[in-house]
């Protein structure tokens, strides 16, 4: 678990200051984002033509929660991806890829919440 996620879970009142959301809003956002992520993965999986069984390959270094937190930290502080990678223990390119994966999902959640 990343230090930031661990800190937020131990100090939920600091969530607003660190990522711009109340802790309850963060939990709801994580639930919605995970649901949309799984829907997206199922859709991609249904379109694949598999020769080798699924489940292989390298596992991600960050959990889904950590990936979502990484995206929110970037949106709140607009730090460099190099620094973000250092904070979360991943490479600069992984931080960038993670952000670019989750941003459209975050935008979709925002449009659902405000409609």
PDB file of N, CA and C in Angstrom:
ATOM      1  N   UNK A   1       0.850  -1.170   0.000  1.00  0.00           N
ATOM      2  CA  UNK A   1       0.000   0.000   0.000  1.00  0.00           C
ATOM      3  C   UNK A   1       0.900   1.239   0.000  1.00  0.00           C
ATOM      4  N   UNK A   2       0.517   2.217  -0.798  1.00  0.00           N
ATOM      5  CA  UNK A   2       1.326   3.435  -0.864  1.00  0.00           C
ATOM      6  C   UNK A   2       1.200   4.229   0.432  1.00  0.00           C
ATOM      7  N   UNK A   3       2.199   5.036   0.694  1.00  0.00           N
ATOM      8  CA  UNK A   3       2.193   5.863   1.902  1.00  0.00           C
ATOM      9  C   UNK A   3       1.016   6.840   1.903  1.00  0.00           C
ATOM     10  N   UNK A   4       0.679   7.369   0.737  1.00  0.00           N
ATOM     11  CA  UNK A   4      -0.419   8.341   0.665  1.00  0.00           C
ATOM     12  C   UNK A   4      -1.741   7.673   0.992  1.00  0.00           C
ATOM     13  N   UNK A   5      -2.015   6.518   0.394  1.00  0.00           N
ATOM     14  CA  UNK A   5      -3.267   5.808   0.678  1.00  0.00           C
ATOM     15  C   UNK A   5      -3.324   5.405   2.144  1.00  0.00           C
ATOM     16  N   UNK A   6      -2.225   4.905   2.669  1.00  0.00           N
ATOM     17  CA  UNK A   6      -2.154   4.529   4.077  1.00  0.00           C
ATOM     18  C   UNK A   6      -2.434   5.742   4.970  1.00  0.00           C
ATOM     19  N   UNK A   7      -1.839   6.881   4.633  1.00  0.00           N
ATOM     20  CA  UNK A   7      -2.038   8.118   5.406  1.00  0.00           C
ATOM     21  C   UNK A   7      -3.509   8.554   5.354  1.00  0.00           C
ATOM     22  N   UNK A   8      -4.134   8.461   4.184  1.00  0.00           N
ATOM     23  CA  UNK A   8      -5.538   8.859   4.055  1.00  0.00           C
ATOM     24  C   UNK A   8      -6.454   7.953   4.859  1.00  0.00           C
ATOM     25  N   UNK A   9      -6.147   6.655   4.885  1.00  0.00           N
ATOM     26  CA  UNK A   9      -6.988   5.726   5.644  1.00  0.00           C
ATOM     27  C   UNK A   9      -6.817   5.910   7.146  1.00  0.00           C
ATOM     28  N   UNK A  10      -5.633   6.326   7.574  1.00  0.00           N
ATOM     29  CA  UNK A  10      -5.408   6.563   9.001  1.00  0.00           C
ATOM     30  C   UNK A  10      -5.886   7.948   9.436  1.00  0.00           C
ATOM     31  N   UNK A  11      -5.938   8.889   8.501  1.00  0.00           N
ATOM     32  CA  UNK A  11      -6.335  10.267   8.802  1.00  0.00           C
ATOM     33  C   UNK A  11      -7.394  10.741   7.807  1.00  0.00           C
ATOM     34  N   UNK A  12      -8.605  10.199   7.883  1.00  0.00           N
ATOM     35  CA  UNK A  12      -9.623  10.535   6.880  1.00  0.00           C
ATOM     36  C   UNK A  12      -9.979  12.029   6.835  1.00  0.00           C
ATOM     37  N   UNK A  13      -9.761  12.756   7.913  1.00  0.00           N
ATOM     38  CA  UNK A  13     -10.087  14.182   7.912  1.00  0.00           C
ATOM     39  C   UNK A  13      -9.133  14.999   7.043  1.00  0.00           C
ATOM     40  N   UNK A  14      -7.972  14.439   6.718  1.00  0.00           N
ATOM     41  CA  UNK A  14      -7.003  15.150   5.881  1.00  0.00           C
ATOM     42  C   UNK A  14      -7.226  14.913   4.394  1.00  0.00           C
ATOM     43  N   UNK A  15      -8.209  14.081   4.051  1.00  0.00           N
ATOM     44  CA  UNK A  15      -8.470  13.746   2.660  1.00  0.00           C
ATOM     45  C   UNK A  15      -8.809  14.984   1.837  1.00  0.00           C
ATOM     46  N   UNK A  16      -9.619  15.845   2.376  1.00  0.00           N
ATOM     47  CA  UNK A  16     -10.034  17.059   1.662  1.00  0.00           C
ATOM     48  C   UNK A  16      -8.817  17.909   1.305  1.00  0.00           C
ATOM     49  N   UNK A  17      -7.893  18.060   2.233  1.00  0.00           N
ATOM     50  CA  UNK A  17      -6.699  18.871   1.992  1.00  0.00           C
ATOM     51  C   UNK A  17      -5.763  18.249   0.960  1.00  0.00           C
ATOM     52  N   UNK A  18      -5.636  16.924   0.999  1.00  0.00           N
ATOM     53  CA  UNK A  18      -4.674  16.263   0.129  1.00  0.00           C
ATOM     54  C   UNK A  18      -5.177  16.013  -1.286  1.00  0.00           C
ATOM     55  N   UNK A  19      -6.463  15.663  -1.423  1.00  0.00           N
ATOM     56  CA  UNK A  19      -6.947  15.361  -2.769  1.00  0.00           C
ATOM     57  C   UNK A  19      -8.195  16.134  -3.176  1.00  0.00           C
ATOM     58  N   UNK A  20      -8.718  16.965  -2.293  1.00  0.00           N
ATOM     59  CA  UNK A  20      -9.832  17.824  -2.675  1.00  0.00           C
ATOM     60  C   UNK A  20     -11.217  17.211  -2.537  1.00  0.00           C
ATOM     61  N   UNK A  21     -11.320  16.057  -1.902  1.00  0.00           N
ATOM     62  CA  UNK A  21     -12.608  15.401  -1.681  1.00  0.00           C
ATOM     63  C   UNK A  21     -12.734  15.014  -0.215  1.00  0.00           C
ATOM     64  N   UNK A  22     -13.960  14.974   0.273  1.00  0.00           N
ATOM     65  CA  UNK A  22     -14.199  14.424   1.602  1.00  0.00           C
ATOM     66  C   UNK A  22     -13.947  12.918   1.535  1.00  0.00           C
ATOM     67  N   UNK A  23     -13.646  12.308   2.680  1.00  0.00           N
ATOM     68  CA  UNK A  23     -13.330  10.882   2.715  1.00  0.00           C
ATOM     69  C   UNK A  23     -14.489  10.033   2.189  1.00  0.00           C
ATOM     70  N   UNK A  24     -15.721  10.392   2.536  1.00  0.00           N
ATOM     71  CA  UNK A  24     -16.891   9.645   2.067  1.00  0.00           C
ATOM     72  C   UNK A  24     -17.034   9.770   0.553  1.00  0.00           C
ATOM     73  N   UNK A  25     -16.761  10.968   0.017  1.00  0.00           N
ATOM     74  CA  UNK A  25     -16.810  11.165  -1.432  1.00  0.00           C
ATOM     75  C   UNK A  25     -15.740  10.320  -2.116  1.00  0.00           C
ATOM     76  N   UNK A  26     -14.574  10.253  -1.501  1.00  0.00           N
ATOM     77  CA  UNK A  26     -13.495   9.439  -2.051  1.00  0.00           C
ATOM     78  C   UNK A  26     -13.905   7.973  -2.114  1.00  0.00           C
ATOM     79  N   UNK A  27     -14.504   7.470  -1.040  1.00  0.00           N
ATOM     80  CA  UNK A  27     -14.928   6.070  -1.015  1.00  0.00           C
ATOM     81  C   UNK A  27     -15.958   5.789  -2.104  1.00  0.00           C
ATOM     82  N   UNK A  28     -16.896   6.706  -2.275  1.00  0.00           N
ATOM     83  CA  UNK A  28     -17.915   6.534  -3.313  1.00  0.00           C
ATOM     84  C   UNK A  28     -17.278   6.602  -4.701  1.00  0.00           C
ATOM     85  N   UNK A  29     -16.351   7.530  -4.887  1.00  0.00           N
ATOM     86  CA  UNK A  29     -15.663   7.651  -6.167  1.00  0.00           C
ATOM     87  C   UNK A  29     -14.889   6.378  -6.484  1.00  0.00           C
ATOM     88  N   UNK A  30     -14.219   5.823  -5.485  1.00  0.00           N
ATOM     89  CA  UNK A  30     -13.458   4.584  -5.690  1.00  0.00           C
ATOM     90  C   UNK A  30     -14.389   3.447  -6.090  1.00  0.00           C
ATOM     91  N   UNK A  31     -15.533   3.327  -5.422  1.00  0.00           N
ATOM     92  CA  UNK A  31     -16.489   2.274  -5.773  1.00  0.00           C
ATOM     93  C   UNK A  31     -16.966   2.420  -7.210  1.00  0.00           C
ATOM     94  N   UNK A  32     -17.343   3.644  -7.599  1.00  0.00           N
ATOM     95  CA  UNK A  32     -17.826   3.886  -8.959  1.00  0.00           C
ATOM     96  C   UNK A  32     -16.729   3.646  -9.987  1.00  0.00           C
ATOM     97  N   UNK A  33     -15.521   4.097  -9.686  1.00  0.00           N
ATOM     98  CA  UNK A  33     -14.401   3.927 -10.612  1.00  0.00           C
ATOM     99  C   UNK A  33     -14.060   2.446 -10.788  1.00  0.00           C
ATOM    100  N   UNK A  34     -14.063   1.693  -9.701  1.00  0.00           N
ATOM    101  CA  UNK A  34     -13.778   0.262  -9.796  1.00  0.00           C
ATOM    102  C   UNK A  34     -14.856  -0.444 -10.621  1.00  0.00           C
ATOM    103  N   UNK A  35     -16.106  -0.053 -10.432  1.00  0.00           N
ATOM    104  CA  UNK A  35     -17.201  -0.650 -11.208  1.00  0.00           C
ATOM    105  C   UNK A  35     -17.015  -0.359 -12.693  1.00  0.00           C
ATOM    106  N   UNK A  36     -16.731   0.900 -13.037  1.00  0.00           N
ATOM    107  CA  UNK A  36     -16.518   1.264 -14.440  1.00  0.00           C
ATOM    108  C   UNK A  36     -15.272   0.580 -15.013  1.00  0.00           C
ATOM    109  N   UNK A  37     -14.246   0.434 -14.202  1.00  0.00           N
ATOM    110  CA  UNK A  37     -13.028  -0.264 -14.632  1.00  0.00           C
ATOM    111  C   UNK A  37     -13.349  -1.714 -14.987  1.00  0.00           C
ATOM    112  N   UNK A  38     -14.104  -2.386 -14.127  1.00  0.00           N
ATOM    113  CA  UNK A  38     -14.440  -3.789 -14.385  1.00  0.00           C
ATOM    114  C   UNK A  38     -15.324  -3.920 -15.626  1.00  0.00           C
ATOM    115  N   UNK A  39     -16.251  -2.984 -15.817  1.00  0.00           N
ATOM    116  CA  UNK A  39     -17.076  -2.999 -17.027  1.00  0.00           C
ATOM    117  C   UNK A  39     -16.214  -2.829 -18.273  1.00  0.00           C
ATOM    118  N   UNK A  40     -15.254  -1.904 -18.203  1.00  0.00           N
ATOM    119  CA  UNK A  40     -14.359  -1.654 -19.326  1.00  0.00           C
ATOM    120  C   UNK A  40     -13.505  -2.889 -19.616  1.00  0.00           C
ATOM    121  N   UNK A  41     -13.003  -3.530 -18.567  1.00  0.00           N
ATOM    122  CA  UNK A  41     -12.178  -4.726 -18.740  1.00  0.00           C
ATOM    123  C   UNK A  41     -12.992  -5.879 -19.333  1.00  0.00           C
ATOM    124  N   UNK A  42     -14.246  -6.038 -18.894  1.00  0.00           N
ATOM    125  CA  UNK A  42     -15.099  -7.086 -19.443  1.00  0.00           C
ATOM    126  C   UNK A  42     -15.364  -6.853 -20.922  1.00  0.00           C
ATOM    127  N   UNK A  43     -15.599  -5.605 -21.295  1.00  0.00           N
ATOM    128  CA  UNK A  43     -15.836  -5.272 -22.694  1.00  0.00           C
ATOM    129  C   UNK A  43     -14.596  -5.568 -23.531  1.00  0.00           C
ATOM    130  N   UNK A  44     -13.423  -5.164 -23.042  1.00  0.00           N
ATOM    131  CA  UNK A  44     -12.184  -5.443 -23.759  1.00  0.00           C
ATOM    132  C   UNK A  44     -11.935  -6.941 -23.873  1.00  0.00           C
ATOM    133  N   UNK A  45     -12.209  -7.661 -22.802  1.00  0.00           N
ATOM    134  CA  UNK A  45     -11.989  -9.112 -22.782  1.00  0.00           C
ATOM    135  C   UNK A  45     -12.920  -9.822 -23.757  1.00  0.00           C
ATOM    136  N   UNK A  46     -14.145  -9.330 -23.880  1.00  0.00           N
ATOM    137  CA  UNK A  46     -15.098  -9.977 -24.786  1.00  0.00           C
ATOM    138  C   UNK A  46     -14.704  -9.788 -26.251  1.00  0.00           C
ATOM    139  N   UNK A  47     -13.937  -8.765 -26.554  1.00  0.00           N
ATOM    140  CA  UNK A  47     -13.521  -8.492 -27.930  1.00  0.00           C
ATOM    141  C   UNK A  47     -12.207  -9.175 -28.299  1.00  0.00           C
ATOM    142  N   UNK A  48     -11.492  -9.705 -27.295  1.00  0.00           N
ATOM    143  CA  UNK A  48     -10.190 -10.322 -27.546  1.00  0.00           C
ATOM    144  C   UNK A  48     -10.348 -11.704 -28.169  1.00  0.00           C
ATOM    145  N   UNK A  49      -9.412 -12.027 -29.024  1.00  0.00           N
ATOM    146  CA  UNK A  49      -9.283 -13.392 -29.521  1.00  0.00           C
ATOM    147  C   UNK A  49      -8.065 -13.965 -28.807  1.00  0.00           C
ATOM    148  N   UNK A  50      -8.322 -14.896 -27.898  1.00  0.00           N
ATOM    149  CA  UNK A  50      -7.259 -15.437 -27.048  1.00  0.00           C
ATOM    150  C   UNK A  50      -6.689 -16.720 -27.615  1.00  0.00           C
ATOM    151  N   UNK A  51      -5.372 -16.762 -27.633  1.00  0.00           N
ATOM    152  CA  UNK A  51      -4.652 -17.984 -27.972  1.00  0.00           C
ATOM    153  C   UNK A  51      -4.150 -18.620 -26.682  1.00  0.00           C
ATOM    154  N   UNK A  52      -3.743 -17.761 -25.753  1.00  0.00           N
ATOM    155  CA  UNK A  52      -3.239 -18.198 -24.453  1.00  0.00           C
ATOM    156  C   UNK A  52      -4.265 -17.802 -23.394  1.00  0.00           C
ATOM    157  N   UNK A  53      -4.437 -18.636 -22.393  1.00  0.00           N
ATOM    158  CA  UNK A  53      -5.414 -18.363 -21.332  1.00  0.00           C
ATOM    159  C   UNK A  53      -5.095 -17.056 -20.621  1.00  0.00           C
ATOM    160  N   UNK A  54      -6.141 -16.377 -20.163  1.00  0.00           N
ATOM    161  CA  UNK A  54      -5.977 -15.122 -19.437  1.00  0.00           C
ATOM    162  C   UNK A  54      -5.377 -15.342 -18.064  1.00  0.00           C
ATOM    163  N   UNK A  55      -4.909 -14.248 -17.468  1.00  0.00           N
ATOM    164  CA  UNK A  55      -4.378 -14.321 -16.117  1.00  0.00           C
ATOM    165  C   UNK A  55      -2.868 -14.333 -16.054  1.00  0.00           C
ATOM    166  N   UNK A  56      -2.222 -14.430 -17.183  1.00  0.00           N
ATOM    167  CA  UNK A  56      -0.767 -14.421 -17.201  1.00  0.00           C
ATOM    168  C   UNK A  56      -0.241 -12.996 -17.223  1.00  0.00           C
ATOM    169  N   UNK A  57       1.038 -12.873 -17.306  1.00  0.00           N
ATOM    170  CA  UNK A  57       1.648 -11.556 -17.384  1.00  0.00           C
ATOM    171  C   UNK A  57       1.977 -10.983 -16.020  1.00  0.00           C
ATOM    172  N   UNK A  58       2.643  -9.849 -16.072  1.00  0.00           N
ATOM    173  CA  UNK A  58       3.074  -9.201 -14.834  1.00  0.00           C
ATOM    174  C   UNK A  58       1.911  -8.497 -14.155  1.00  0.00           C
ATOM    175  N   UNK A  59       1.824  -8.642 -12.873  1.00  0.00           N
ATOM    176  CA  UNK A  59       0.763  -8.001 -12.096  1.00  0.00           C
ATOM    177  C   UNK A  59       1.113  -6.530 -11.879  1.00  0.00           C
ATOM    178  N   UNK A  60       0.104  -5.658 -11.823  1.00  0.00           N
ATOM    179  CA  UNK A  60       0.377  -4.230 -11.595  1.00  0.00           C
ATOM    180  C   UNK A  60       0.965  -3.994 -10.205  1.00  0.00           C
ATOM    181  N   UNK A  61       1.849  -2.982 -10.106  1.00  0.00           N
ATOM    182  CA  UNK A  61       2.450  -2.644  -8.814  1.00  0.00           C
ATOM    183  C   UNK A  61       1.460  -1.948  -7.900  1.00  0.00           C
ATOM    184  N   UNK A  62       0.525  -1.220  -8.479  1.00  0.00           N
ATOM    185  CA  UNK A  62      -0.438  -0.454  -7.686  1.00  0.00           C
ATOM    186  C   UNK A  62      -1.812  -1.109  -7.722  1.00  0.00           C
ATOM    187  N   UNK A  63      -2.481  -1.112  -6.591  1.00  0.00           N
ATOM    188  CA  UNK A  63      -3.855  -1.597  -6.546  1.00  0.00           C
ATOM    189  C   UNK A  63      -4.754  -0.586  -7.256  1.00  0.00           C
ATOM    190  N   UNK A  64      -5.999  -0.976  -7.503  1.00  0.00           N
ATOM    191  CA  UNK A  64      -6.928  -0.043  -8.148  1.00  0.00           C
ATOM    192  C   UNK A  64      -7.105   1.224  -7.319  1.00  0.00           C
ATOM    193  N   UNK A  65      -7.209   1.071  -5.990  1.00  0.00           N
ATOM    194  CA  UNK A  65      -7.336   2.238  -5.107  1.00  0.00           C
ATOM    195  C   UNK A  65      -6.146   3.169  -5.260  1.00  0.00           C
ATOM    196  N   UNK A  66      -4.953   2.590  -5.271  1.00  0.00           N
ATOM    197  CA  UNK A  66      -3.743   3.401  -5.387  1.00  0.00           C
ATOM    198  C   UNK A  66      -3.682   4.113  -6.735  1.00  0.00           C
ATOM    199  N   UNK A  67      -4.137   3.448  -7.784  1.00  0.00           N
ATOM    200  CA  UNK A  67      -4.157   4.074  -9.096  1.00  0.00           C
ATOM    201  C   UNK A  67      -5.117   5.269  -9.123  1.00  0.00           C
ATOM    202  N   UNK A  68      -6.255   5.108  -8.486  1.00  0.00           N
ATOM    203  CA  UNK A  68      -7.237   6.193  -8.427  1.00  0.00           C
ATOM    204  C   UNK A  68      -6.686   7.350  -7.595  1.00  0.00           C
ATOM    205  N   UNK A  69      -6.061   7.039  -6.467  1.00  0.00           N
ATOM    206  CA  UNK A  69      -5.460   8.075  -5.615  1.00  0.00           C
ATOM    207  C   UNK A  69      -4.362   8.808  -6.382  1.00  0.00           C
ATOM    208  N   UNK A  70      -3.536   8.078  -7.132  1.00  0.00           N
ATOM    209  CA  UNK A  70      -2.493   8.701  -7.937  1.00  0.00           C
ATOM    210  C   UNK A  70      -3.099   9.732  -8.886  1.00  0.00           C
ATOM    211  N   UNK A  71      -4.177   9.365  -9.551  1.00  0.00           N
ATOM    212  CA  UNK A  71      -4.849  10.277 -10.478  1.00  0.00           C
ATOM    213  C   UNK A  71      -5.369  11.510  -9.751  1.00  0.00           C
ATOM    214  N   UNK A  72      -5.974  11.311  -8.591  1.00  0.00           N
ATOM    215  CA  UNK A  72      -6.523  12.437  -7.837  1.00  0.00           C
ATOM    216  C   UNK A  72      -5.422  13.346  -7.289  1.00  0.00           C
ATOM    217  N   UNK A  73      -4.314  12.752  -6.857  1.00  0.00           N
ATOM    218  CA  UNK A  73      -3.182  13.554  -6.368  1.00  0.00           C
ATOM    219  C   UNK A  73      -2.649  14.423  -7.506  1.00  0.00           C
ATOM    220  N   UNK A  74      -2.530  13.840  -8.693  1.00  0.00           N
ATOM    221  CA  UNK A  74      -2.044  14.630  -9.827  1.00  0.00           C
ATOM    222  C   UNK A  74      -3.004  15.786 -10.127  1.00  0.00           C
ATOM    223  N   UNK A  75      -4.296  15.504 -10.170  1.00  0.00           N
ATOM    224  CA  UNK A  75      -5.277  16.549 -10.478  1.00  0.00           C
ATOM    225  C   UNK A  75      -5.286  17.653  -9.423  1.00  0.00           C
ATOM    226  N   UNK A  76      -5.024  17.308  -8.183  1.00  0.00           N
ATOM    227  CA  UNK A  76      -5.034  18.285  -7.100  1.00  0.00           C
ATOM    228  C   UNK A  76      -3.766  19.135  -7.081  1.00  0.00           C
ATOM    229  N   UNK A  77      -2.617  18.513  -7.294  1.00  0.00           N
ATOM    230  CA  UNK A  77      -1.338  19.207  -7.098  1.00  0.00           C
ATOM    231  C   UNK A  77      -0.569  19.511  -8.379  1.00  0.00           C
ATOM    232  N   UNK A  78      -0.964  18.885  -9.494  1.00  0.00           N
ATOM    233  CA  UNK A  78      -0.309  19.088 -10.786  1.00  0.00           C
ATOM    234  C   UNK A  78       1.220  18.984 -10.691  1.00  0.00           C
ATOM    235  N   UNK A  79       1.660  17.940 -10.035  1.00  0.00           N
ATOM    236  CA  UNK A  79       3.084  17.664  -9.896  1.00  0.00           C
ATOM    237  C   UNK A  79       3.597  16.972 -11.160  1.00  0.00           C
ATOM    238  N   UNK A  80       4.883  16.783 -11.275  1.00  0.00           N
ATOM    239  CA  UNK A  80       5.414  16.061 -12.431  1.00  0.00           C
ATOM    240  C   UNK A  80       5.155  14.565 -12.249  1.00  0.00           C
ATOM    241  N   UNK A  81       5.129  13.850 -13.366  1.00  0.00           N
ATOM    242  CA  UNK A  81       4.919  12.411 -13.289  1.00  0.00           C
ATOM    243  C   UNK A  81       6.123  11.720 -12.663  1.00  0.00           C
ATOM    244  N   UNK A  82       7.294  12.320 -12.801  1.00  0.00           N
ATOM    245  CA  UNK A  82       8.479  11.749 -12.155  1.00  0.00           C
ATOM    246  C   UNK A  82       8.315  11.762 -10.637  1.00  0.00           C
ATOM    247  N   UNK A  83       7.889  12.895 -10.093  1.00  0.00           N
ATOM    248  CA  UNK A  83       7.676  13.005  -8.648  1.00  0.00           C
ATOM    249  C   UNK A  83       6.517  12.121  -8.203  1.00  0.00           C
ATOM    250  N   UNK A  84       5.477  12.066  -8.998  1.00  0.00           N
ATOM    251  CA  UNK A  84       4.330  11.208  -8.684  1.00  0.00           C
ATOM    252  C   UNK A  84       4.766   9.744  -8.654  1.00  0.00           C
ATOM    253  N   UNK A  85       5.605   9.349  -9.602  1.00  0.00           N
ATOM    254  CA  UNK A  85       6.128   7.978  -9.617  1.00  0.00           C
ATOM    255  C   UNK A  85       6.934   7.672  -8.378  1.00  0.00           C
ATOM    256  N   UNK A  86       7.743   8.645  -7.939  1.00  0.00           N
ATOM    257  CA  UNK A  86       8.532   8.451  -6.719  1.00  0.00           C
ATOM    258  C   UNK A  86       7.616   8.287  -5.512  1.00  0.00           C
ATOM    259  N   UNK A  87       6.572   9.101  -5.434  1.00  0.00           N
ATOM    260  CA  UNK A  87       5.637   9.031  -4.302  1.00  0.00           C
ATOM    261  C   UNK A  87       4.934   7.684  -4.230  1.00  0.00           C
ATOM    262  N   UNK A  88       4.629   7.092  -5.385  1.00  0.00           N
ATOM    263  CA  UNK A  88       3.873   5.846  -5.412  1.00  0.00           C
ATOM    264  C   UNK A  88       4.742   4.614  -5.693  1.00  0.00           C
ATOM    265  N   UNK A  89       6.051   4.816  -5.848  1.00  0.00           N
ATOM    266  CA  UNK A  89       6.957   3.687  -6.045  1.00  0.00           C
ATOM    267  C   UNK A  89       6.867   3.042  -7.410  1.00  0.00           C
ATOM    268  N   UNK A  90       6.563   3.841  -8.445  1.00  0.00           N
ATOM    269  CA  UNK A  90       6.500   3.335  -9.813  1.00  0.00           C
ATOM    270  C   UNK A  90       7.334   4.251 -10.704  1.00  0.00           C
ATOM    271  N   UNK A  91       7.497   3.870 -11.947  1.00  0.00           N
ATOM    272  CA  UNK A  91       8.269   4.695 -12.870  1.00  0.00           C
ATOM    273  C   UNK A  91       7.445   5.898 -13.333  1.00  0.00           C
ATOM    274  N   UNK A  92       8.127   6.849 -13.920  1.00  0.00           N
ATOM    275  CA  UNK A  92       7.465   8.039 -14.461  1.00  0.00           C
ATOM    276  C   UNK A  92       6.448   7.646 -15.535  1.00  0.00           C
ATOM    277  N   UNK A  93       6.820   6.721 -16.410  1.00  0.00           N
ATOM    278  CA  UNK A  93       5.912   6.314 -17.484  1.00  0.00           C
ATOM    279  C   UNK A  93       4.700   5.556 -16.934  1.00  0.00           C
ATOM    280  N   UNK A  94       4.900   4.762 -15.879  1.00  0.00           N
ATOM    281  CA  UNK A  94       3.764   4.067 -15.261  1.00  0.00           C
ATOM    282  C   UNK A  94       2.811   5.064 -14.625  1.00  0.00           C
ATOM    283  N   UNK A  95       3.348   6.090 -13.962  1.00  0.00           N
ATOM    284  CA  UNK A  95       2.500   7.133 -13.375  1.00  0.00           C
ATOM    285  C   UNK A  95       1.704   7.834 -14.467  1.00  0.00           C
ATOM    286  N   UNK A  96       2.357   8.145 -15.575  1.00  0.00           N
ATOM    287  CA  UNK A  96       1.691   8.794 -16.695  1.00  0.00           C
ATOM    288  C   UNK A  96       0.617   7.885 -17.288  1.00  0.00           C
ATOM    289  N   UNK A  97       0.941   6.620 -17.537  1.00  0.00           N
ATOM    290  CA  UNK A  97      -0.023   5.673 -18.095  1.00  0.00           C
ATOM    291  C   UNK A  97      -1.213   5.482 -17.164  1.00  0.00           C
ATOM    292  N   UNK A  98      -0.954   5.395 -15.879  1.00  0.00           N
ATOM    293  CA  UNK A  98      -2.020   5.227 -14.889  1.00  0.00           C
ATOM    294  C   UNK A  98      -2.958   6.425 -14.914  1.00  0.00           C
ATOM    295  N   UNK A  99      -2.387   7.621 -14.905  1.00  0.00           N
ATOM    296  CA  UNK A  99      -3.200   8.836 -14.950  1.00  0.00           C
ATOM    297  C   UNK A  99      -4.057   8.860 -16.216  1.00  0.00           C
ATOM    298  N   UNK A 100      -3.450   8.571 -17.350  1.00  0.00           N
ATOM    299  CA  UNK A 100      -4.188   8.639 -18.617  1.00  0.00           C
ATOM    300  C   UNK A 100      -5.228   7.532 -18.758  1.00  0.00           C
ATOM    301  N   UNK A 101      -5.085   6.432 -18.034  1.00  0.00           N
ATOM    302  CA  UNK A 101      -6.106   5.394 -18.027  1.00  0.00           C
ATOM    303  C   UNK A 101      -7.313   5.838 -17.191  1.00  0.00           C
ATOM    304  N   UNK A 102      -7.045   6.381 -15.999  1.00  0.00           N
ATOM    305  CA  UNK A 102      -8.117   6.692 -15.061  1.00  0.00           C
ATOM    306  C   UNK A 102      -8.816   8.026 -15.322  1.00  0.00           C
ATOM    307  N   UNK A 103      -8.191   8.963 -16.003  1.00  0.00           N
ATOM    308  CA  UNK A 103      -8.803  10.273 -16.220  1.00  0.00           C
ATOM    309  C   UNK A 103     -10.152  10.180 -16.942  1.00  0.00           C
ATOM    310  N   UNK A 104     -10.274   9.447 -18.054  1.00  0.00           N
ATOM    311  CA  UNK A 104     -11.592   9.359 -18.696  1.00  0.00           C
ATOM    312  C   UNK A 104     -12.655   8.720 -17.791  1.00  0.00           C
ATOM    313  N   UNK A 105     -12.252   7.763 -16.981  1.00  0.00           N
ATOM    314  CA  UNK A 105     -13.198   7.143 -16.050  1.00  0.00           C
ATOM    315  C   UNK A 105     -13.641   8.166 -15.017  1.00  0.00           C
ATOM    316  N   UNK A 106     -12.701   8.974 -14.515  1.00  0.00           N
ATOM    317  CA  UNK A 106     -13.024  10.034 -13.544  1.00  0.00           C
ATOM    318  C   UNK A 106     -13.973  11.058 -14.148  1.00  0.00           C
ATOM    319  N   UNK A 107     -13.743  11.425 -15.395  1.00  0.00           N
ATOM    320  CA  UNK A 107     -14.620  12.375 -16.081  1.00  0.00           C
ATOM    321  C   UNK A 107     -16.006  11.774 -16.249  1.00  0.00           C
ATOM    322  N   UNK A 108     -16.066  10.496 -16.591  1.00  0.00           N
ATOM    323  CA  UNK A 108     -17.366   9.827 -16.761  1.00  0.00           C
ATOM    324  C   UNK A 108     -18.148   9.787 -15.438  1.00  0.00           C
ATOM    325  N   UNK A 109     -17.446   9.539 -14.344  1.00  0.00           N
ATOM    326  CA  UNK A 109     -18.094   9.539 -13.029  1.00  0.00           C
ATOM    327  C   UNK A 109     -18.625  10.924 -12.708  1.00  0.00           C
ATOM    328  N   UNK A 110     -17.847  11.951 -13.008  1.00  0.00           N
ATOM    329  CA  UNK A 110     -18.276  13.332 -12.726  1.00  0.00           C
ATOM    330  C   UNK A 110     -19.521  13.669 -13.521  1.00  0.00           C
ATOM    331  N   UNK A 111     -19.618  13.252 -14.774  1.00  0.00           N
ATOM    332  CA  UNK A 111     -20.801  13.570 -15.569  1.00  0.00           C
ATOM    333  C   UNK A 111     -22.020  12.793 -15.070  1.00  0.00           C
ATOM    334  N   UNK A 112     -21.823  11.580 -14.578  1.00  0.00           N
ATOM    335  CA  UNK A 112     -22.921  10.796 -14.021  1.00  0.00           C
ATOM    336  C   UNK A 112     -23.431  11.451 -12.744  1.00  0.00           C
ATOM    337  N   UNK A 113     -22.521  11.921 -11.887  1.00  0.00           N
ATOM    338  CA  UNK A 113     -22.915  12.508 -10.602  1.00  0.00           C
ATOM    339  C   UNK A 113     -23.653  13.824 -10.772  1.00  0.00           C
ATOM    340  N   UNK A 114     -23.313  14.594 -11.798  1.00  0.00           N
ATOM    341  CA  UNK A 114     -23.911  15.915 -11.948  1.00  0.00           C
ATOM    342  C   UNK A 114     -25.121  15.922 -12.861  1.00  0.00           C
ATOM    343  N   UNK A 115     -25.488  14.773 -13.421  1.00  0.00           N
ATOM    344  CA  UNK A 115     -26.691  14.714 -14.271  1.00  0.00           C
ATOM    345  C   UNK A 115     -27.878  14.177 -13.511  1.00  0.00           C
TER     346      UNK A 115
END
